[in-house]
Amino acid sequence: MIQKHVLLITCKDAQGLIAAISDVIFKMKLNIEIMREFVEEETNRFFMRCELSGDVDTDILLANLKAKLSDDCQIVINPKSKKDIVILATKEYHCLSDLLTRFFFEELGANVKAVICNHPNLGEFVGNFKVPFHYVSHENKTKHEFEVEILDILTGYKPDYVVLAKFMRILSPEFVSRYENKIINIHHSFLPAFIGANPYMQAFHRGVKLIGATAHIVNNQLDEGPILTQKVIEVDHNFNAKKLVETGHEVEKQVLAEACKLVFEDKVFVSGNKTIILK
């Protein structure tokens, strides 16, 4: 079977970069199936994503590329395969159920290794997908104790990414640092509007004509991490708060699934507090 890998490169922009990289790949008798690149003018940074096929010696490819590129280059070579993820959730089921259904029908692009919830309500549902379920209560515990329990479980599964499917708990900087740029969150609002709790009620009282959802990478600023995907849908005065929530749930599912697909396919670069997405 032909090997397939995804090559990700970030470095200072310079003349002849594409030619130099292509030359290395050609001399190693590899085939470029897809190549996308972008230069961020503000930072003078070059971003490239290549899908390669052929017998790849990753160590040699990495060494040859580093010899051609600037000292500040960042190079990642990933096999083109499914990522391992753990999903964190609470009582709400709509985003979790969508991800698990996509996983069951092999449309997620990831292996769901486990689901962790701070309420037991969804345990039976998760069990239907033969996915391990862990109930970790946050009650009568400090934030640190609660997070240590979750981190201990995560360590056992060694996930590539952690997905917050309506987890609704603010993670500490210590937790986030363990999975830097590896935690995906869905926020039930079109950020930066309506940050924090009860955004649909905020939207209802404000009389908005659009509601939306935002998937982003988690950092230490509440709901302000690098944005992955966003969608909006029109609403009007006929929508009460309950209908806004129901409509919003559909948007949330779409946005989170799309964001996960982009991340799992290695199409996302983080640049400061922005994302560069090479589709």
C-alpha atoms as a PDB file:
ATOM      1  CA  MET A   1       0.000   0.000   0.000  1.00  0.00           C
ATOM      2  CA  ILE A   2       1.284   3.445  -0.940  1.00  0.00           C
ATOM      3  CA  GLN A   3       2.151   5.586   2.072  1.00  0.00           C
ATOM      4  CA  LYS A   4       0.464   8.960   2.363  1.00  0.00           C
ATOM      5  CA  HIS A   5       1.625  11.800   4.593  1.00  0.00           C
ATOM      6  CA  VAL A   6       0.727  15.425   5.238  1.00  0.00           C
ATOM      7  CA  LEU A   7       3.631  17.864   5.308  1.00  0.00           C
ATOM      8  CA  LEU A   8       3.120  21.133   7.204  1.00  0.00           C
ATOM      9  CA  ILE A   9       5.697  23.923   7.020  1.00  0.00           C
ATOM     10  CA  THR A  10       5.818  27.341   8.668  1.00  0.00           C
ATOM     11  CA  CYS A  11       8.812  29.633   8.257  1.00  0.00           C
ATOM     12  CA  LYS A  12       9.930  33.141   7.405  1.00  0.00           C
ATOM     13  CA  ASP A  13       8.962  33.997   3.857  1.00  0.00           C
ATOM     14  CA  ALA A  14      11.721  34.110   1.275  1.00  0.00           C
ATOM     15  CA  GLN A  15      12.161  33.946  -2.464  1.00  0.00           C
ATOM     16  CA  GLY A  16      12.264  30.453  -3.958  1.00  0.00           C
ATOM     17  CA  LEU A  17      10.719  28.585  -1.018  1.00  0.00           C
ATOM     18  CA  ILE A  18       8.255  26.581  -3.081  1.00  0.00           C
ATOM     19  CA  ALA A  19      10.942  25.595  -5.564  1.00  0.00           C
ATOM     20  CA  ALA A  20      13.338  24.531  -2.789  1.00  0.00           C
ATOM     21  CA  ILE A  21      10.718  22.444  -1.001  1.00  0.00           C
ATOM     22  CA  SER A  22       9.513  20.862  -4.238  1.00  0.00           C
ATOM     23  CA  ASP A  23      13.098  19.977  -5.167  1.00  0.00           C
ATOM     24  CA  VAL A  24      13.611  18.110  -1.880  1.00  0.00           C
ATOM     25  CA  ILE A  25      10.385  16.193  -2.384  1.00  0.00           C
ATOM     26  CA  PHE A  26      11.228  15.367  -6.004  1.00  0.00           C
ATOM     27  CA  LYS A  27      14.711  14.084  -5.143  1.00  0.00           C
ATOM     28  CA  MET A  28      13.208  11.750  -2.547  1.00  0.00           C
ATOM     29  CA  LYS A  29      10.935  10.355  -5.288  1.00  0.00           C
ATOM     30  CA  LEU A  30       7.763  11.438  -3.567  1.00  0.00           C
ATOM     31  CA  ASN A  31       4.620  12.619  -5.301  1.00  0.00           C
ATOM     32  CA  ILE A  32       2.855  15.864  -4.387  1.00  0.00           C
ATOM     33  CA  GLU A  33      -0.884  15.179  -4.615  1.00  0.00           C
ATOM     34  CA  ILE A  34      -2.092  18.492  -3.147  1.00  0.00           C
ATOM     35  CA  MET A  35      -0.171  21.662  -2.289  1.00  0.00           C
ATOM     36  CA  ARG A  36      -1.523  24.804  -0.691  1.00  0.00           C
ATOM     37  CA  GLU A  37       0.468  27.804   0.499  1.00  0.00           C
ATOM     38  CA  PHE A  38      -0.096  31.249   1.987  1.00  0.00           C
ATOM     39  CA  VAL A  39       2.034  34.200   3.040  1.00  0.00           C
ATOM     40  CA  GLU A  40       0.843  36.285   5.981  1.00  0.00           C
ATOM     41  CA  GLU A  41       2.052  39.766   5.086  1.00  0.00           C
ATOM     42  CA  GLU A  42       1.767  41.202   8.610  1.00  0.00           C
ATOM     43  CA  THR A  43       4.228  38.657  10.032  1.00  0.00           C
ATOM     44  CA  ASN A  44       6.090  37.773   6.817  1.00  0.00           C
ATOM     45  CA  ARG A  45       5.380  34.110   7.573  1.00  0.00           C
ATOM     46  CA  PHE A  46       5.054  31.396   4.951  1.00  0.00           C
ATOM     47  CA  PHE A  47       2.598  28.523   5.457  1.00  0.00           C
ATOM     48  CA  MET A  48       2.457  25.370   3.339  1.00  0.00           C
ATOM     49  CA  ARG A  49       0.438  22.162   3.415  1.00  0.00           C
ATOM     50  CA  CYS A  50       1.297  19.255   1.109  1.00  0.00           C
ATOM     51  CA  GLU A  51      -0.233  15.828   0.748  1.00  0.00           C
ATOM     52  CA  LEU A  52       2.526  13.423  -0.262  1.00  0.00           C
ATOM     53  CA  SER A  53       2.476   9.842  -1.486  1.00  0.00           C
ATOM     54  CA  GLY A  54       5.376   7.402  -1.713  1.00  0.00           C
ATOM     55  CA  ASP A  55       7.822   5.682   0.606  1.00  0.00           C
ATOM     56  CA  VAL A  56       8.606   8.415   3.116  1.00  0.00           C
ATOM     57  CA  ASP A  57      11.595   8.284   5.432  1.00  0.00           C
ATOM     58  CA  THR A  58      10.377  11.068   7.709  1.00  0.00           C
ATOM     59  CA  ASP A  59      13.740  11.616   9.415  1.00  0.00           C
ATOM     60  CA  ILE A  60      15.563  12.105   6.121  1.00  0.00           C
ATOM     61  CA  LEU A  61      12.794  14.273   4.679  1.00  0.00           C
ATOM     62  CA  LEU A  62      12.825  16.428   7.794  1.00  0.00           C
ATOM     63  CA  ALA A  63      16.624  16.807   7.706  1.00  0.00           C
ATOM     64  CA  ASN A  64      16.671  17.671   4.003  1.00  0.00           C
ATOM     65  CA  LEU A  65      13.958  20.282   4.393  1.00  0.00           C
ATOM     66  CA  LYS A  66      15.633  21.900   7.396  1.00  0.00           C
ATOM     67  CA  ALA A  67      18.845  22.187   5.389  1.00  0.00           C
ATOM     68  CA  LYS A  68      16.979  24.256   2.796  1.00  0.00           C
ATOM     69  CA  LEU A  69      14.848  26.431   5.070  1.00  0.00           C
ATOM     70  CA  SER A  70      15.471  29.157   7.636  1.00  0.00           C
ATOM     71  CA  ASP A  71      16.483  28.343  11.199  1.00  0.00           C
ATOM     72  CA  ASP A  72      13.059  29.354  12.527  1.00  0.00           C
ATOM     73  CA  CYS A  73      11.178  26.853  10.363  1.00  0.00           C
ATOM     74  CA  GLN A  74       8.585  24.564  11.916  1.00  0.00           C
ATOM     75  CA  ILE A  75       8.025  21.290  10.081  1.00  0.00           C
ATOM     76  CA  VAL A  76       5.484  18.589  10.873  1.00  0.00           C
ATOM     77  CA  ILE A  77       5.126  15.342   8.932  1.00  0.00           C
ATOM     78  CA  ASN A  78       2.004  13.399   9.843  1.00  0.00           C
ATOM     79  CA  PRO A  79       0.795  10.120   8.405  1.00  0.00           C
ATOM     80  CA  LYS A  80      -2.536  10.663   6.671  1.00  0.00           C
ATOM     81  CA  SER A  81      -4.613   8.762   9.190  1.00  0.00           C
ATOM     82  CA  LYS A  82      -7.395   9.253  11.725  1.00  0.00           C
ATOM     83  CA  LYS A  83      -6.665  11.233  14.867  1.00  0.00           C
ATOM     84  CA  ASP A  84      -7.395   9.934  18.356  1.00  0.00           C
ATOM     85  CA  ILE A  85      -9.728  12.178  20.339  1.00  0.00           C
ATOM     86  CA  VAL A  86     -11.479  12.350  23.688  1.00  0.00           C
ATOM     87  CA  ILE A  87     -14.736  14.282  23.963  1.00  0.00           C
ATOM     88  CA  LEU A  88     -15.678  16.264  27.074  1.00  0.00           C
ATOM     89  CA  ALA A  89     -19.364  16.976  27.599  1.00  0.00           C
ATOM     90  CA  THR A  90     -21.913  17.658  30.315  1.00  0.00           C
ATOM     91  CA  LYS A  91     -25.727  17.243  30.093  1.00  0.00           C
ATOM     92  CA  GLU A  92     -26.422  18.622  26.607  1.00  0.00           C
ATOM     93  CA  TYR A  93     -26.433  15.889  23.997  1.00  0.00           C
ATOM     94  CA  HIS A  94     -26.804  17.545  20.593  1.00  0.00           C
ATOM     95  CA  CYS A  95     -23.131  18.148  19.732  1.00  0.00           C
ATOM     96  CA  LEU A  96     -21.980  14.909  21.372  1.00  0.00           C
ATOM     97  CA  SER A  97     -24.593  12.845  19.554  1.00  0.00           C
ATOM     98  CA  ASP A  98     -23.640  14.400  16.219  1.00  0.00           C
ATOM     99  CA  LEU A  99     -19.948  13.621  16.715  1.00  0.00           C
ATOM    100  CA  LEU A 100     -20.642  10.055  17.849  1.00  0.00           C
ATOM    101  CA  THR A 101     -22.954   9.439  14.892  1.00  0.00           C
ATOM    102  CA  ARG A 102     -20.301  10.690  12.481  1.00  0.00           C
ATOM    103  CA  PHE A 103     -17.763   8.474  14.247  1.00  0.00           C
ATOM    104  CA  PHE A 104     -20.055   5.433  13.966  1.00  0.00           C
ATOM    105  CA  PHE A 105     -20.475   5.950  10.227  1.00  0.00           C
ATOM    106  CA  GLU A 106     -16.750   6.742   9.765  1.00  0.00           C
ATOM    107  CA  GLU A 107     -17.382  10.341   8.716  1.00  0.00           C
ATOM    108  CA  LEU A 108     -15.583  12.054  11.599  1.00  0.00           C
ATOM    109  CA  GLY A 109     -11.996  11.458  10.538  1.00  0.00           C
ATOM    110  CA  ALA A 110     -11.110  10.497  14.099  1.00  0.00           C
ATOM    111  CA  ASN A 111     -11.279   7.667  16.586  1.00  0.00           C
ATOM    112  CA  VAL A 112     -13.320   8.579  19.662  1.00  0.00           C
ATOM    113  CA  LYS A 113     -11.325   6.927  22.424  1.00  0.00           C
ATOM    114  CA  ALA A 114     -13.605   8.022  25.276  1.00  0.00           C
ATOM    115  CA  VAL A 115     -16.210  10.499  26.490  1.00  0.00           C
ATOM    116  CA  ILE A 116     -15.807  12.284  29.835  1.00  0.00           C
ATOM    117  CA  CYS A 117     -18.779  14.022  31.460  1.00  0.00           C
ATOM    118  CA  ASN A 118     -19.255  15.850  34.742  1.00  0.00           C
ATOM    119  CA  HIS A 119     -22.821  14.492  34.906  1.00  0.00           C
ATOM    120  CA  PRO A 120     -23.858  10.829  34.513  1.00  0.00           C
ATOM    121  CA  ASN A 121     -26.899  11.508  32.301  1.00  0.00           C
ATOM    122  CA  LEU A 122     -25.343  10.567  28.949  1.00  0.00           C
ATOM    123  CA  GLY A 123     -23.588   7.386  30.040  1.00  0.00           C
ATOM    124  CA  GLU A 124     -26.166   4.959  28.644  1.00  0.00           C
ATOM    125  CA  PHE A 125     -26.369   6.870  25.370  1.00  0.00           C
ATOM    126  CA  VAL A 126     -22.576   6.837  24.887  1.00  0.00           C
ATOM    127  CA  GLY A 127     -22.534   3.118  25.681  1.00  0.00           C
ATOM    128  CA  ASN A 128     -24.679   2.470  22.602  1.00  0.00           C
ATOM    129  CA  PHE A 129     -21.658   3.454  20.497  1.00  0.00           C
ATOM    130  CA  LYS A 130     -19.347   1.123  22.462  1.00  0.00           C
ATOM    131  CA  VAL A 131     -17.269   4.123  23.509  1.00  0.00           C
ATOM    132  CA  PRO A 132     -15.850   4.192  27.071  1.00  0.00           C
ATOM    133  CA  PHE A 133     -17.707   6.659  29.302  1.00  0.00           C
ATOM    134  CA  HIS A 134     -16.165   8.340  32.349  1.00  0.00           C
ATOM    135  CA  TYR A 135     -18.226  10.271  34.863  1.00  0.00           C
ATOM    136  CA  VAL A 136     -16.177  12.820  36.783  1.00  0.00           C
ATOM    137  CA  SER A 137     -18.267  14.958  39.107  1.00  0.00           C
ATOM    138  CA  HIS A 138     -17.192  18.524  39.779  1.00  0.00           C
ATOM    139  CA  GLU A 139     -19.214  18.729  42.977  1.00  0.00           C
ATOM    140  CA  ASN A 140     -17.523  18.945  46.403  1.00  0.00           C
ATOM    141  CA  LYS A 141     -14.125  19.317  44.719  1.00  0.00           C
ATOM    142  CA  THR A 142     -11.786  22.165  44.020  1.00  0.00           C
ATOM    143  CA  LYS A 143     -11.259  23.125  40.398  1.00  0.00           C
ATOM    144  CA  HIS A 144      -7.769  21.667  40.639  1.00  0.00           C
ATOM    145  CA  GLU A 145      -9.004  18.318  41.979  1.00  0.00           C
ATOM    146  CA  PHE A 146     -11.663  18.103  39.271  1.00  0.00           C
ATOM    147  CA  GLU A 147      -9.188  18.815  36.487  1.00  0.00           C
ATOM    148  CA  VAL A 148      -6.567  16.420  37.851  1.00  0.00           C
ATOM    149  CA  GLU A 149      -9.094  13.585  37.639  1.00  0.00           C
ATOM    150  CA  ILE A 150      -9.852  14.428  34.024  1.00  0.00           C
ATOM    151  CA  LEU A 151      -6.186  14.808  33.132  1.00  0.00           C
ATOM    152  CA  ASP A 152      -5.435  11.400  34.636  1.00  0.00           C
ATOM    153  CA  ILE A 153      -8.062   9.838  32.361  1.00  0.00           C
ATOM    154  CA  LEU A 154      -6.822  11.760  29.320  1.00  0.00           C
ATOM    155  CA  THR A 155      -3.250  10.630  29.960  1.00  0.00           C
ATOM    156  CA  GLY A 156      -4.361   7.024  29.655  1.00  0.00           C
ATOM    157  CA  TYR A 157      -5.869   7.599  26.208  1.00  0.00           C
ATOM    158  CA  LYS A 158      -3.100   9.839  24.804  1.00  0.00           C
ATOM    159  CA  PRO A 159      -5.478  11.813  22.551  1.00  0.00           C
ATOM    160  CA  ASP A 160      -4.242  13.928  19.669  1.00  0.00           C
ATOM    161  CA  TYR A 161      -7.072  16.362  20.391  1.00  0.00           C
ATOM    162  CA  VAL A 162      -9.653  17.087  23.080  1.00  0.00           C
ATOM    163  CA  VAL A 163     -13.079  18.227  21.868  1.00  0.00           C
ATOM    164  CA  LEU A 164     -15.370  20.202  24.169  1.00  0.00           C
ATOM    165  CA  ALA A 165     -18.879  19.293  23.029  1.00  0.00           C
ATOM    166  CA  LYS A 166     -20.745  21.753  25.245  1.00  0.00           C
ATOM    167  CA  PHE A 167     -18.550  21.003  28.268  1.00  0.00           C
ATOM    168  CA  MET A 168     -19.516  24.349  29.824  1.00  0.00           C
ATOM    169  CA  ARG A 169     -16.635  24.458  32.293  1.00  0.00           C
ATOM    170  CA  ILE A 170     -13.837  27.041  32.205  1.00  0.00           C
ATOM    171  CA  LEU A 171     -10.499  25.247  32.024  1.00  0.00           C
ATOM    172  CA  SER A 172      -7.497  26.484  33.978  1.00  0.00           C
ATOM    173  CA  PRO A 173      -4.300  27.693  32.282  1.00  0.00           C
ATOM    174  CA  GLU A 174      -2.542  24.616  33.681  1.00  0.00           C
ATOM    175  CA  PHE A 175      -5.031  22.305  31.969  1.00  0.00           C
ATOM    176  CA  VAL A 176      -4.890  24.196  28.677  1.00  0.00           C
ATOM    177  CA  SER A 177      -1.086  24.150  28.660  1.00  0.00           C
ATOM    178  CA  ARG A 178      -1.129  20.345  28.716  1.00  0.00           C
ATOM    179  CA  TYR A 179      -2.928  20.379  25.358  1.00  0.00           C
ATOM    180  CA  GLU A 180      -1.790  23.639  23.817  1.00  0.00           C
ATOM    181  CA  ASN A 181      -3.638  24.295  20.545  1.00  0.00           C
ATOM    182  CA  LYS A 182      -5.160  20.825  20.868  1.00  0.00           C
ATOM    183  CA  ILE A 183      -8.497  21.672  22.515  1.00  0.00           C
ATOM    184  CA  ILE A 184     -11.466  22.458  20.253  1.00  0.00           C
ATOM    185  CA  ASN A 185     -14.496  24.227  21.710  1.00  0.00           C
ATOM    186  CA  ILE A 186     -17.951  25.101  20.394  1.00  0.00           C
ATOM    187  CA  HIS A 187     -19.399  28.390  21.614  1.00  0.00           C
ATOM    188  CA  HIS A 188     -23.110  29.021  21.183  1.00  0.00           C
ATOM    189  CA  SER A 189     -22.712  32.511  19.796  1.00  0.00           C
ATOM    190  CA  PHE A 190     -21.182  34.286  16.828  1.00  0.00           C
ATOM    191  CA  LEU A 191     -18.078  35.535  18.628  1.00  0.00           C
ATOM    192  CA  PRO A 192     -17.067  38.096  19.723  1.00  0.00           C
ATOM    193  CA  ALA A 193     -20.746  38.846  20.449  1.00  0.00           C
ATOM    194  CA  PHE A 194     -22.385  37.463  23.586  1.00  0.00           C
ATOM    195  CA  ILE A 195     -19.349  36.021  25.328  1.00  0.00           C
ATOM    196  CA  GLY A 196     -19.947  33.869  28.403  1.00  0.00           C
ATOM    197  CA  ALA A 197     -23.103  32.289  29.763  1.00  0.00           C
ATOM    198  CA  ASN A 198     -26.653  32.334  28.352  1.00  0.00           C
ATOM    199  CA  PRO A 199     -25.861  33.880  24.964  1.00  0.00           C
ATOM    200  CA  TYR A 200     -29.242  32.901  23.507  1.00  0.00           C
ATOM    201  CA  MET A 201     -31.051  34.755  26.273  1.00  0.00           C
ATOM    202  CA  GLN A 202     -28.735  37.705  25.674  1.00  0.00           C
ATOM    203  CA  ALA A 203     -29.559  37.524  21.975  1.00  0.00           C
ATOM    204  CA  PHE A 204     -33.299  37.246  22.640  1.00  0.00           C
ATOM    205  CA  HIS A 205     -33.358  40.344  24.855  1.00  0.00           C
ATOM    206  CA  ARG A 206     -31.241  42.226  22.332  1.00  0.00           C
ATOM    207  CA  GLY A 207     -33.673  41.366  19.522  1.00  0.00           C
ATOM    208  CA  VAL A 208     -30.976  40.106  17.167  1.00  0.00           C
ATOM    209  CA  LYS A 209     -31.757  39.216  13.557  1.00  0.00           C
ATOM    210  CA  LEU A 210     -28.890  36.747  13.250  1.00  0.00           C
ATOM    211  CA  ILE A 211     -27.700  34.030  15.608  1.00  0.00           C
ATOM    212  CA  GLY A 212     -24.697  31.841  15.121  1.00  0.00           C
ATOM    213  CA  ALA A 213     -22.054  29.595  16.546  1.00  0.00           C
ATOM    214  CA  THR A 214     -18.269  29.652  16.693  1.00  0.00           C
ATOM    215  CA  ALA A 215     -15.777  26.820  16.971  1.00  0.00           C
ATOM    216  CA  HIS A 216     -12.394  27.874  18.255  1.00  0.00           C
ATOM    217  CA  ILE A 217      -9.175  26.604  19.768  1.00  0.00           C
ATOM    218  CA  VAL A 218      -9.094  27.057  23.516  1.00  0.00           C
ATOM    219  CA  ASN A 219      -6.578  29.396  25.098  1.00  0.00           C
ATOM    220  CA  ASN A 220      -6.475  31.189  28.444  1.00  0.00           C
ATOM    221  CA  GLN A 221      -8.887  33.944  27.406  1.00  0.00           C
ATOM    222  CA  LEU A 222     -12.571  33.050  27.801  1.00  0.00           C
ATOM    223  CA  ASP A 223     -14.072  32.349  24.362  1.00  0.00           C
ATOM    224  CA  GLU A 224     -11.299  34.325  22.655  1.00  0.00           C
ATOM    225  CA  GLY A 225      -9.097  31.563  21.221  1.00  0.00           C
ATOM    226  CA  PRO A 226      -8.210  31.327  17.513  1.00  0.00           C
ATOM    227  CA  ILE A 227     -11.411  30.898  15.494  1.00  0.00           C
ATOM    228  CA  LEU A 228     -11.822  27.813  13.308  1.00  0.00           C
ATOM    229  CA  THR A 229     -15.318  28.092  11.836  1.00  0.00           C
ATOM    230  CA  GLN A 230     -18.407  30.274  12.212  1.00  0.00           C
ATOM    231  CA  LYS A 231     -21.931  30.181  10.841  1.00  0.00           C
ATOM    232  CA  VAL A 232     -25.010  32.360  11.242  1.00  0.00           C
ATOM    233  CA  ILE A 233     -28.702  31.914  10.542  1.00  0.00           C
ATOM    234  CA  GLU A 234     -31.434  34.541  10.208  1.00  0.00           C
ATOM    235  CA  VAL A 235     -34.077  34.859  12.926  1.00  0.00           C
ATOM    236  CA  ASP A 236     -36.859  37.345  13.604  1.00  0.00           C
ATOM    237  CA  HIS A 237     -39.376  38.517  16.178  1.00  0.00           C
ATOM    238  CA  ASN A 238     -41.314  35.230  15.889  1.00  0.00           C
ATOM    239  CA  PHE A 239     -38.465  33.377  17.572  1.00  0.00           C
ATOM    240  CA  ASN A 240     -38.870  33.104  21.327  1.00  0.00           C
ATOM    241  CA  ALA A 241     -35.924  32.135  23.533  1.00  0.00           C
ATOM    242  CA  LYS A 242     -36.739  28.403  23.289  1.00  0.00           C
ATOM    243  CA  LYS A 243     -36.877  28.470  19.496  1.00  0.00           C
ATOM    244  CA  LEU A 244     -33.604  30.412  19.376  1.00  0.00           C
ATOM    245  CA  VAL A 245     -31.957  27.658  21.427  1.00  0.00           C
ATOM    246  CA  GLU A 246     -33.336  24.883  19.208  1.00  0.00           C
ATOM    247  CA  THR A 247     -32.235  26.674  16.049  1.00  0.00           C
ATOM    248  CA  GLY A 248     -28.853  27.424  17.585  1.00  0.00           C
ATOM    249  CA  HIS A 249     -28.283  23.762  18.405  1.00  0.00           C
ATOM    250  CA  GLU A 250     -28.449  22.870  14.710  1.00  0.00           C
ATOM    251  CA  VAL A 251     -25.891  25.540  13.856  1.00  0.00           C
ATOM    252  CA  GLU A 252     -23.616  24.430  16.689  1.00  0.00           C
ATOM    253  CA  LYS A 253     -23.526  20.856  15.399  1.00  0.00           C
ATOM    254  CA  GLN A 254     -22.609  21.976  11.898  1.00  0.00           C
ATOM    255  CA  VAL A 255     -19.918  24.377  13.054  1.00  0.00           C
ATOM    256  CA  LEU A 256     -18.249  21.948  15.455  1.00  0.00           C
ATOM    257  CA  ALA A 257     -18.241  19.103  12.921  1.00  0.00           C
ATOM    258  CA  GLU A 258     -16.726  21.329  10.248  1.00  0.00           C
ATOM    259  CA  ALA A 259     -14.045  22.621  12.616  1.00  0.00           C
ATOM    260  CA  CYS A 260     -13.133  19.105  13.719  1.00  0.00           C
ATOM    261  CA  LYS A 261     -12.825  17.958  10.107  1.00  0.00           C
ATOM    262  CA  LEU A 262     -10.437  20.808   9.294  1.00  0.00           C
ATOM    263  CA  VAL A 263      -8.278  20.121  12.337  1.00  0.00           C
ATOM    264  CA  PHE A 264      -8.231  16.338  11.955  1.00  0.00           C
ATOM    265  CA  GLU A 265      -7.162  16.690   8.323  1.00  0.00           C
ATOM    266  CA  ASP A 266      -4.193  18.871   9.332  1.00  0.00           C
ATOM    267  CA  LYS A 267      -5.507  21.922   7.498  1.00  0.00           C
ATOM    268  CA  VAL A 268      -5.164  24.402  10.373  1.00  0.00           C
ATOM    269  CA  PHE A 269      -2.174  26.527  11.353  1.00  0.00           C
ATOM    270  CA  VAL A 270      -2.273  28.748  14.434  1.00  0.00           C
ATOM    271  CA  SER A 271      -0.687  32.161  13.957  1.00  0.00           C
ATOM    272  CA  GLY A 272      -0.906  34.233  17.115  1.00  0.00           C
ATOM    273  CA  ASN A 273      -4.598  34.447  17.920  1.00  0.00           C
ATOM    274  CA  LYS A 274      -5.682  33.670  14.347  1.00  0.00           C
ATOM    275  CA  THR A 275      -5.890  30.544  12.257  1.00  0.00           C
ATOM    276  CA  ILE A 276      -4.589  29.978   8.748  1.00  0.00           C
ATOM    277  CA  ILE A 277      -6.721  27.289   7.112  1.00  0.00           C
ATOM    278  CA  LEU A 278      -5.376  25.714   3.934  1.00  0.00           C
ATOM    279  CA  LYS A 279      -8.207  23.671   2.446  1.00  0.00           C
END
